């Protein structure tokens, strides 16, 4: 299952023009690869039901890939936000379970 959709990325970019859909769609597999790479470092993977933090991270990575082709200096904000989402997901998954069995 894809981690995010073209619509998710367009919402991040605040783009409504459908002329960019194919280019945005082409960015999504690389964005998902970035998510997988960051999670692999923590021995994590994306579950079948994609968590919102992962969806947001993938959409921001895709936005970064899309934007850096046109305005590289302005793309960094998307990278930073994607990393925040990944870090939040890793922190949430790394917390020890406290409870009873």
C-alpha atoms as a PDB file:
ATOM      1  CA  UNK A   1       0.000   0.000   0.000  1.00  0.00           C
ATOM      2  CA  UNK A   2       1.354   3.464  -0.839  1.00  0.00           C
ATOM      3  CA  UNK A   3       2.372   5.596   2.110  1.00  0.00           C
ATOM      4  CA  UNK A   4       0.794   8.736   0.639  1.00  0.00           C
ATOM      5  CA  UNK A   5      -1.156   9.934  -2.380  1.00  0.00           C
ATOM      6  CA  UNK A   6      -0.740  12.686  -4.934  1.00  0.00           C
ATOM      7  CA  UNK A   7      -3.521  14.529  -3.099  1.00  0.00           C
ATOM      8  CA  UNK A   8      -1.575  14.311   0.172  1.00  0.00           C
ATOM      9  CA  UNK A   9       1.482  15.849  -1.503  1.00  0.00           C
ATOM     10  CA  UNK A  10      -0.552  18.535  -3.239  1.00  0.00           C
ATOM     11  CA  UNK A  11      -2.025  19.517   0.132  1.00  0.00           C
ATOM     12  CA  UNK A  12       1.487  19.909   1.556  1.00  0.00           C
ATOM     13  CA  UNK A  13       2.592  21.939  -1.460  1.00  0.00           C
ATOM     14  CA  UNK A  14      -0.679  23.898  -1.503  1.00  0.00           C
ATOM     15  CA  UNK A  15      -1.045  23.119  -5.188  1.00  0.00           C
ATOM     16  CA  UNK A  16      -4.394  22.576  -6.872  1.00  0.00           C
ATOM     17  CA  UNK A  17      -3.244  22.468 -10.495  1.00  0.00           C
ATOM     18  CA  UNK A  18      -3.565  18.924 -11.857  1.00  0.00           C
ATOM     19  CA  UNK A  19      -0.840  19.532 -14.456  1.00  0.00           C
ATOM     20  CA  UNK A  20       1.733  18.534 -11.808  1.00  0.00           C
ATOM     21  CA  UNK A  21       0.056  15.251 -10.856  1.00  0.00           C
ATOM     22  CA  UNK A  22       2.282  12.973 -12.952  1.00  0.00           C
ATOM     23  CA  UNK A  23       5.464  14.623 -11.684  1.00  0.00           C
ATOM     24  CA  UNK A  24       4.276  14.482  -8.085  1.00  0.00           C
ATOM     25  CA  UNK A  25       3.272  10.831  -8.523  1.00  0.00           C
ATOM     26  CA  UNK A  26       6.784  10.079  -9.781  1.00  0.00           C
ATOM     27  CA  UNK A  27       8.253  11.541  -6.565  1.00  0.00           C
ATOM     28  CA  UNK A  28       6.251   9.283  -4.257  1.00  0.00           C
ATOM     29  CA  UNK A  29       8.261   6.033  -4.685  1.00  0.00           C
ATOM     30  CA  UNK A  30      11.504   7.856  -3.841  1.00  0.00           C
ATOM     31  CA  UNK A  31       9.836   9.521  -0.867  1.00  0.00           C
ATOM     32  CA  UNK A  32       8.666   6.122   0.363  1.00  0.00           C
ATOM     33  CA  UNK A  33      12.206   4.836  -0.083  1.00  0.00           C
ATOM     34  CA  UNK A  34      13.484   7.645   2.130  1.00  0.00           C
ATOM     35  CA  UNK A  35      10.942   6.721   4.800  1.00  0.00           C
ATOM     36  CA  UNK A  36      11.974   3.065   4.605  1.00  0.00           C
ATOM     37  CA  UNK A  37      15.651   4.007   4.831  1.00  0.00           C
ATOM     38  CA  UNK A  38      15.213   6.134   7.928  1.00  0.00           C
ATOM     39  CA  UNK A  39      13.059   3.499   9.614  1.00  0.00           C
ATOM     40  CA  UNK A  40      15.459   0.682   8.740  1.00  0.00           C
ATOM     41  CA  UNK A  41      18.151   2.388  10.818  1.00  0.00           C
ATOM     42  CA  UNK A  42      15.914   1.749  13.841  1.00  0.00           C
ATOM     43  CA  UNK A  43      14.905  -1.751  12.743  1.00  0.00           C
ATOM     44  CA  UNK A  44      11.372  -0.489  12.028  1.00  0.00           C
ATOM     45  CA  UNK A  45       9.123  -0.912   9.034  1.00  0.00           C
ATOM     46  CA  UNK A  46       5.787   0.492   7.962  1.00  0.00           C
ATOM     47  CA  UNK A  47       2.827  -1.639   9.032  1.00  0.00           C
ATOM     48  CA  UNK A  48       0.082  -2.634   6.587  1.00  0.00           C
ATOM     49  CA  UNK A  49      -2.107   0.190   7.861  1.00  0.00           C
ATOM     50  CA  UNK A  50       0.083   3.239   7.261  1.00  0.00           C
ATOM     51  CA  UNK A  51       0.244   5.439  10.379  1.00  0.00           C
ATOM     52  CA  UNK A  52      -0.528   9.132   9.967  1.00  0.00           C
ATOM     53  CA  UNK A  53       3.011  10.173  10.937  1.00  0.00           C
ATOM     54  CA  UNK A  54       4.442   7.983   8.170  1.00  0.00           C
ATOM     55  CA  UNK A  55       1.882   9.289   5.662  1.00  0.00           C
ATOM     56  CA  UNK A  56       2.831  12.854   6.567  1.00  0.00           C
ATOM     57  CA  UNK A  57       6.552  12.115   6.354  1.00  0.00           C
ATOM     58  CA  UNK A  58       6.195  10.519   2.917  1.00  0.00           C
ATOM     59  CA  UNK A  59       4.088  13.430   1.649  1.00  0.00           C
ATOM     60  CA  UNK A  60       6.664  15.948   2.881  1.00  0.00           C
ATOM     61  CA  UNK A  61       9.567  13.988   1.382  1.00  0.00           C
ATOM     62  CA  UNK A  62       7.692  13.872  -1.941  1.00  0.00           C
ATOM     63  CA  UNK A  63       7.031  17.617  -1.683  1.00  0.00           C
ATOM     64  CA  UNK A  64      10.742  18.146  -1.030  1.00  0.00           C
ATOM     65  CA  UNK A  65      11.674  16.104  -4.103  1.00  0.00           C
ATOM     66  CA  UNK A  66       9.179  18.009  -6.227  1.00  0.00           C
ATOM     67  CA  UNK A  67      10.102  21.471  -4.943  1.00  0.00           C
ATOM     68  CA  UNK A  68      13.892  21.065  -5.082  1.00  0.00           C
ATOM     69  CA  UNK A  69      13.694  20.736  -8.869  1.00  0.00           C
ATOM     70  CA  UNK A  70      12.300  24.262  -9.112  1.00  0.00           C
ATOM     71  CA  UNK A  71      13.333  26.141  -5.986  1.00  0.00           C
ATOM     72  CA  UNK A  72      16.098  24.230  -4.187  1.00  0.00           C
ATOM     73  CA  UNK A  73      16.551  26.870  -1.496  1.00  0.00           C
ATOM     74  CA  UNK A  74      12.870  26.731  -0.572  1.00  0.00           C
ATOM     75  CA  UNK A  75      12.669  22.937  -0.525  1.00  0.00           C
ATOM     76  CA  UNK A  76      14.517  22.464   2.749  1.00  0.00           C
ATOM     77  CA  UNK A  77      11.439  23.258   4.837  1.00  0.00           C
ATOM     78  CA  UNK A  78       9.733  20.132   3.470  1.00  0.00           C
ATOM     79  CA  UNK A  79      12.770  17.985   4.322  1.00  0.00           C
ATOM     80  CA  UNK A  80      12.841  19.348   7.865  1.00  0.00           C
ATOM     81  CA  UNK A  81       9.142  18.687   8.384  1.00  0.00           C
ATOM     82  CA  UNK A  82       9.459  15.155   6.988  1.00  0.00           C
ATOM     83  CA  UNK A  83      12.277  14.452   9.436  1.00  0.00           C
ATOM     84  CA  UNK A  84      10.153  15.728  12.315  1.00  0.00           C
ATOM     85  CA  UNK A  85       7.384  13.308  11.362  1.00  0.00           C
ATOM     86  CA  UNK A  86       9.840  10.402  11.041  1.00  0.00           C
ATOM     87  CA  UNK A  87      11.484  11.257  14.344  1.00  0.00           C
ATOM     88  CA  UNK A  88       8.085  11.425  16.068  1.00  0.00           C
ATOM     89  CA  UNK A  89       7.149   8.031  14.620  1.00  0.00           C
ATOM     90  CA  UNK A  90      10.459   6.478  15.697  1.00  0.00           C
ATOM     91  CA  UNK A  91      10.108   7.951  19.191  1.00  0.00           C
ATOM     92  CA  UNK A  92       6.563   6.626  19.506  1.00  0.00           C
ATOM     93  CA  UNK A  93       7.542   3.147  18.349  1.00  0.00           C
ATOM     94  CA  UNK A  94      10.675   3.028  20.508  1.00  0.00           C
ATOM     95  CA  UNK A  95       8.859   3.785  23.758  1.00  0.00           C
ATOM     96  CA  UNK A  96       8.803   0.812  26.046  1.00  0.00           C
ATOM     97  CA  UNK A  97       5.425  -0.764  26.621  1.00  0.00           C
ATOM     98  CA  UNK A  98       4.224  -0.155  30.133  1.00  0.00           C
ATOM     99  CA  UNK A  99       1.252  -2.240  31.106  1.00  0.00           C
ATOM    100  CA  UNK A 100       0.148  -5.652  32.107  1.00  0.00           C
ATOM    101  CA  UNK A 101       0.014  -8.830  30.144  1.00  0.00           C
END
